Structure formats: structure tokens, C-alpha cells
Amino acid sequence: MTNPFADRAPALSDPARDMLPVTPSDSTNLSTTAVALYIEEAGTVVFDTVAGNTRTVKVTDYAVLPVGVRRVRATGTTATGIFALVIA
């Protein structure tokens, strides 16, 4: 099987190369900055953006938030099944 990503440098316009499960934390950033979040079950997500802002959004089941995220906060987050989409 050929790998179309093998000889390419990661770029923000590329599709995600992996999905990492997220454990919300008020004190720890994600291991890799996410280019988007995928959320399986509806609720509220509180997160810190790459721009340094904290945002609170309500999401439906199977939502995709196309925003750069450094941290998903535990306080206030009720959505579950959160994954970080990463290109690195």
C-alpha cells in the first residue's frame, strides 16, 4: 500500500494525520496542538485556543470544531468522546 503522506511535510491545509483522545484538564495542554476537535457526545466544551483565548461552546453529537486548540478544560466541559485532530 502506498502512503500519500510519506514524502510531504505537514501543512495546515492537509487532512488530519491522526486523532488523539483528549482527557480534559485545567492545568495541562494537549500533547500536540490540535487543528480541530472531534466530539462524539453532545455537551459543552471549554477550551484554550492557539490565540490564547478561552472559549465555551455547546456542541451536538459528532461535532467537529475547526479551531486550533492547546487545552481542553475539565471545568465546564460536559461533552464526552473528545479527540484532537492533529497534523504532526
N, C-alpha and C. Protein backbone atom coordinates (compact mmCIF):
# COMPACT_ATOMS: atom_id res chain seq x y z
N MET A 1 0.84 -1.17 0.00
CA MET A 1 0.00 0.00 0.00
C MET A 1 0.89 1.24 0.00
N THR A 2 0.58 2.19 -0.85
CA THR A 2 1.35 3.43 -0.88
C THR A 2 0.81 4.40 0.17
N ASN A 3 1.71 5.24 0.66
CA ASN A 3 1.36 6.23 1.68
C ASN A 3 1.49 7.61 1.05
N PRO A 4 0.37 8.29 0.77
CA PRO A 4 0.43 9.61 0.13
C PRO A 4 1.05 10.69 1.02
N PHE A 5 1.24 10.41 2.31
CA PHE A 5 1.82 11.37 3.23
C PHE A 5 3.32 11.19 3.41
N ALA A 6 3.86 10.13 2.88
CA ALA A 6 5.25 9.74 3.15
C ALA A 6 6.27 10.83 2.83
N ASP A 7 6.13 11.50 1.71
CA ASP A 7 7.13 12.47 1.28
C ASP A 7 6.65 13.92 1.40
N ARG A 8 5.64 14.15 2.21
CA ARG A 8 5.09 15.50 2.34
C ARG A 8 5.33 16.04 3.74
N ALA A 9 5.69 17.30 3.79
CA ALA A 9 5.78 17.99 5.08
C ALA A 9 4.35 18.33 5.52
N PRO A 10 4.04 18.21 6.80
CA PRO A 10 2.69 18.55 7.27
C PRO A 10 2.36 20.01 7.01
N ALA A 11 1.12 20.26 6.61
CA ALA A 11 0.65 21.62 6.37
C ALA A 11 -0.75 21.76 6.98
N LEU A 12 -1.10 22.97 7.36
CA LEU A 12 -2.42 23.21 7.96
C LEU A 12 -3.57 22.88 7.02
N SER A 13 -3.33 22.91 5.73
CA SER A 13 -4.39 22.63 4.76
C SER A 13 -4.57 21.13 4.52
N ASP A 14 -3.67 20.31 5.08
CA ASP A 14 -3.77 18.86 4.94
C ASP A 14 -4.88 18.30 5.82
N PRO A 15 -5.37 17.11 5.49
CA PRO A 15 -6.27 16.44 6.45
C PRO A 15 -5.47 16.03 7.68
N ALA A 16 -6.17 15.80 8.76
CA ALA A 16 -5.50 15.35 9.98
C ALA A 16 -4.77 14.05 9.70
N ARG A 17 -3.62 13.89 10.35
CA ARG A 17 -2.84 12.65 10.20
C ARG A 17 -3.16 11.66 11.31
N ASP A 18 -3.77 12.16 12.39
CA ASP A 18 -4.11 11.27 13.50
C ASP A 18 -5.18 11.93 14.36
N MET A 19 -5.81 11.11 15.18
CA MET A 19 -6.77 11.57 16.19
C MET A 19 -6.29 11.07 17.53
N LEU A 20 -6.15 11.98 18.48
CA LEU A 20 -5.67 11.62 19.81
C LEU A 20 -6.78 11.82 20.83
N PRO A 21 -7.05 10.83 21.68
CA PRO A 21 -8.07 11.02 22.70
C PRO A 21 -7.67 12.14 23.65
N VAL A 22 -8.64 12.92 24.07
CA VAL A 22 -8.40 14.06 24.95
C VAL A 22 -8.96 13.78 26.33
N THR A 23 -8.14 13.99 27.34
CA THR A 23 -8.59 13.99 28.72
C THR A 23 -8.59 15.45 29.17
N PRO A 24 -9.77 16.04 29.35
CA PRO A 24 -9.81 17.45 29.76
C PRO A 24 -9.04 17.70 31.04
N SER A 25 -8.34 18.85 31.07
CA SER A 25 -7.52 19.23 32.22
C SER A 25 -7.47 20.75 32.32
N ASP A 26 -7.56 21.24 33.53
CA ASP A 26 -7.45 22.69 33.73
C ASP A 26 -6.01 23.16 33.79
N SER A 27 -5.05 22.23 33.85
CA SER A 27 -3.66 22.64 34.03
C SER A 27 -2.68 22.10 32.99
N THR A 28 -3.11 21.18 32.13
CA THR A 28 -2.19 20.55 31.19
C THR A 28 -2.65 20.76 29.76
N ASN A 29 -1.72 21.26 28.91
CA ASN A 29 -2.01 21.40 27.48
C ASN A 29 -2.04 20.04 26.81
N LEU A 30 -2.65 19.98 25.63
CA LEU A 30 -2.62 18.77 24.82
C LEU A 30 -1.18 18.44 24.46
N SER A 31 -0.87 17.18 24.27
CA SER A 31 0.49 16.78 23.91
C SER A 31 0.89 17.31 22.54
N THR A 32 -0.07 17.48 21.65
CA THR A 32 0.13 18.07 20.33
C THR A 32 -1.00 19.05 20.08
N THR A 33 -0.69 20.24 19.62
CA THR A 33 -1.73 21.23 19.33
C THR A 33 -2.67 20.69 18.26
N ALA A 34 -3.95 20.78 18.52
CA ALA A 34 -4.96 20.27 17.60
C ALA A 34 -5.32 21.31 16.55
N VAL A 35 -5.58 20.85 15.33
CA VAL A 35 -6.10 21.75 14.29
C VAL A 35 -7.62 21.75 14.32
N ALA A 36 -8.20 20.80 15.05
CA ALA A 36 -9.65 20.71 15.22
C ALA A 36 -9.93 19.73 16.34
N LEU A 37 -11.16 19.78 16.85
CA LEU A 37 -11.63 18.80 17.82
C LEU A 37 -12.79 18.04 17.20
N TYR A 38 -12.85 16.76 17.50
CA TYR A 38 -14.00 15.92 17.13
C TYR A 38 -14.63 15.48 18.44
N ILE A 39 -15.96 15.67 18.56
CA ILE A 39 -16.66 15.36 19.81
C ILE A 39 -17.77 14.37 19.50
N GLU A 40 -17.76 13.23 20.18
CA GLU A 40 -18.74 12.18 19.91
C GLU A 40 -20.10 12.43 20.57
N GLU A 41 -20.08 12.94 21.82
CA GLU A 41 -21.35 13.10 22.53
C GLU A 41 -21.57 14.54 22.95
N ALA A 42 -22.76 15.03 22.71
CA ALA A 42 -23.13 16.43 22.91
C ALA A 42 -22.86 16.93 24.32
N GLY A 43 -22.68 18.24 24.40
CA GLY A 43 -22.48 18.90 25.68
C GLY A 43 -21.77 20.22 25.47
N THR A 44 -21.10 20.67 26.49
CA THR A 44 -20.33 21.91 26.44
C THR A 44 -18.85 21.56 26.42
N VAL A 45 -18.09 22.31 25.62
CA VAL A 45 -16.64 22.15 25.58
C VAL A 45 -16.01 23.50 25.90
N VAL A 46 -15.12 23.50 26.87
CA VAL A 46 -14.37 24.70 27.24
C VAL A 46 -12.92 24.44 26.83
N PHE A 47 -12.36 25.34 26.03
CA PHE A 47 -11.01 25.10 25.51
C PHE A 47 -10.23 26.39 25.36
N ASP A 48 -8.90 26.24 25.32
CA ASP A 48 -7.99 27.36 25.08
C ASP A 48 -7.52 27.29 23.63
N THR A 49 -7.67 28.38 22.91
CA THR A 49 -7.26 28.41 21.51
C THR A 49 -5.77 28.70 21.38
N VAL A 50 -5.25 28.49 20.19
CA VAL A 50 -3.84 28.81 19.94
C VAL A 50 -3.60 30.31 20.01
N ALA A 51 -4.65 31.10 19.91
CA ALA A 51 -4.54 32.55 20.03
C ALA A 51 -4.51 32.99 21.49
N GLY A 52 -4.70 32.03 22.42
CA GLY A 52 -4.62 32.36 23.84
C GLY A 52 -5.93 32.72 24.49
N ASN A 53 -7.04 32.46 23.83
CA ASN A 53 -8.35 32.76 24.38
C ASN A 53 -9.02 31.50 24.91
N THR A 54 -9.83 31.65 25.95
CA THR A 54 -10.64 30.54 26.44
C THR A 54 -12.04 30.71 25.88
N ARG A 55 -12.55 29.64 25.27
CA ARG A 55 -13.87 29.67 24.63
C ARG A 55 -14.75 28.57 25.21
N THR A 56 -16.04 28.85 25.26
CA THR A 56 -17.03 27.87 25.70
C THR A 56 -18.06 27.73 24.59
N VAL A 57 -18.25 26.49 24.13
CA VAL A 57 -19.24 26.25 23.06
C VAL A 57 -20.07 25.02 23.40
N LYS A 58 -21.32 25.05 22.98
CA LYS A 58 -22.19 23.89 23.09
C LYS A 58 -22.14 23.16 21.75
N VAL A 59 -22.03 21.84 21.81
CA VAL A 59 -21.91 21.05 20.59
C VAL A 59 -22.94 19.93 20.59
N THR A 60 -23.26 19.46 19.39
CA THR A 60 -24.14 18.32 19.21
C THR A 60 -23.30 17.05 19.13
N ASP A 61 -23.94 15.90 19.07
CA ASP A 61 -23.23 14.65 18.84
C ASP A 61 -22.46 14.74 17.53
N TYR A 62 -21.28 14.15 17.49
CA TYR A 62 -20.43 14.03 16.30
C TYR A 62 -20.05 15.39 15.71
N ALA A 63 -19.76 16.35 16.58
CA ALA A 63 -19.40 17.70 16.14
C ALA A 63 -17.91 17.78 15.80
N VAL A 64 -17.59 18.66 14.87
CA VAL A 64 -16.21 18.99 14.55
C VAL A 64 -16.04 20.49 14.75
N LEU A 65 -15.05 20.86 15.57
CA LEU A 65 -14.74 22.27 15.79
C LEU A 65 -13.42 22.57 15.07
N PRO A 66 -13.46 23.25 13.95
CA PRO A 66 -12.23 23.52 13.17
C PRO A 66 -11.49 24.74 13.70
N VAL A 67 -10.88 24.59 14.87
CA VAL A 67 -10.15 25.68 15.51
C VAL A 67 -8.90 25.11 16.17
N GLY A 68 -7.82 25.86 16.14
CA GLY A 68 -6.59 25.42 16.80
C GLY A 68 -6.77 25.43 18.31
N VAL A 69 -6.47 24.30 18.95
CA VAL A 69 -6.72 24.14 20.39
C VAL A 69 -5.45 23.67 21.10
N ARG A 70 -5.12 24.36 22.20
CA ARG A 70 -3.98 23.96 23.03
C ARG A 70 -4.39 23.14 24.24
N ARG A 71 -5.59 23.43 24.79
CA ARG A 71 -6.05 22.75 26.01
C ARG A 71 -7.56 22.63 25.99
N VAL A 72 -8.06 21.48 26.44
CA VAL A 72 -9.49 21.31 26.69
C VAL A 72 -9.63 21.29 28.20
N ARG A 73 -10.39 22.22 28.72
CA ARG A 73 -10.51 22.39 30.17
C ARG A 73 -11.54 21.41 30.76
N ALA A 74 -11.22 20.91 31.95
CA ALA A 74 -12.12 20.00 32.65
C ALA A 74 -13.31 20.76 33.23
N THR A 75 -13.04 21.93 33.82
CA THR A 75 -14.10 22.72 34.42
C THR A 75 -15.01 23.26 33.32
N GLY A 76 -16.26 22.87 33.37
CA GLY A 76 -17.25 23.34 32.41
C GLY A 76 -17.45 22.42 31.22
N THR A 77 -16.53 21.50 30.97
CA THR A 77 -16.68 20.59 29.83
C THR A 77 -17.56 19.41 30.24
N THR A 78 -18.68 19.24 29.52
CA THR A 78 -19.59 18.13 29.78
C THR A 78 -19.67 17.18 28.60
N ALA A 79 -19.23 17.61 27.42
CA ALA A 79 -19.21 16.74 26.25
C ALA A 79 -18.20 15.61 26.48
N THR A 80 -18.43 14.47 25.87
CA THR A 80 -17.53 13.33 26.04
C THR A 80 -17.12 12.77 24.68
N GLY A 81 -16.12 11.91 24.72
CA GLY A 81 -15.61 11.33 23.48
C GLY A 81 -14.92 12.39 22.64
N ILE A 82 -14.00 13.15 23.27
CA ILE A 82 -13.34 14.25 22.60
C ILE A 82 -11.99 13.76 22.04
N PHE A 83 -11.73 14.10 20.80
CA PHE A 83 -10.49 13.74 20.14
C PHE A 83 -9.85 14.98 19.52
N ALA A 84 -8.53 15.07 19.61
CA ALA A 84 -7.78 16.14 18.97
C ALA A 84 -7.36 15.66 17.58
N LEU A 85 -7.68 16.41 16.55
CA LEU A 85 -7.21 16.10 15.20
C LEU A 85 -5.89 16.83 15.02
N VAL A 86 -4.84 16.08 14.67
CA VAL A 86 -3.51 16.64 14.60
C VAL A 86 -2.87 16.35 13.23
N ILE A 87 -1.94 17.23 12.85
CA ILE A 87 -1.25 17.01 11.58
C ILE A 87 0.21 16.65 11.78
N ALA A 88 0.72 16.78 12.99
CA ALA A 88 2.13 16.48 13.25
C ALA A 88 2.35 15.01 13.44
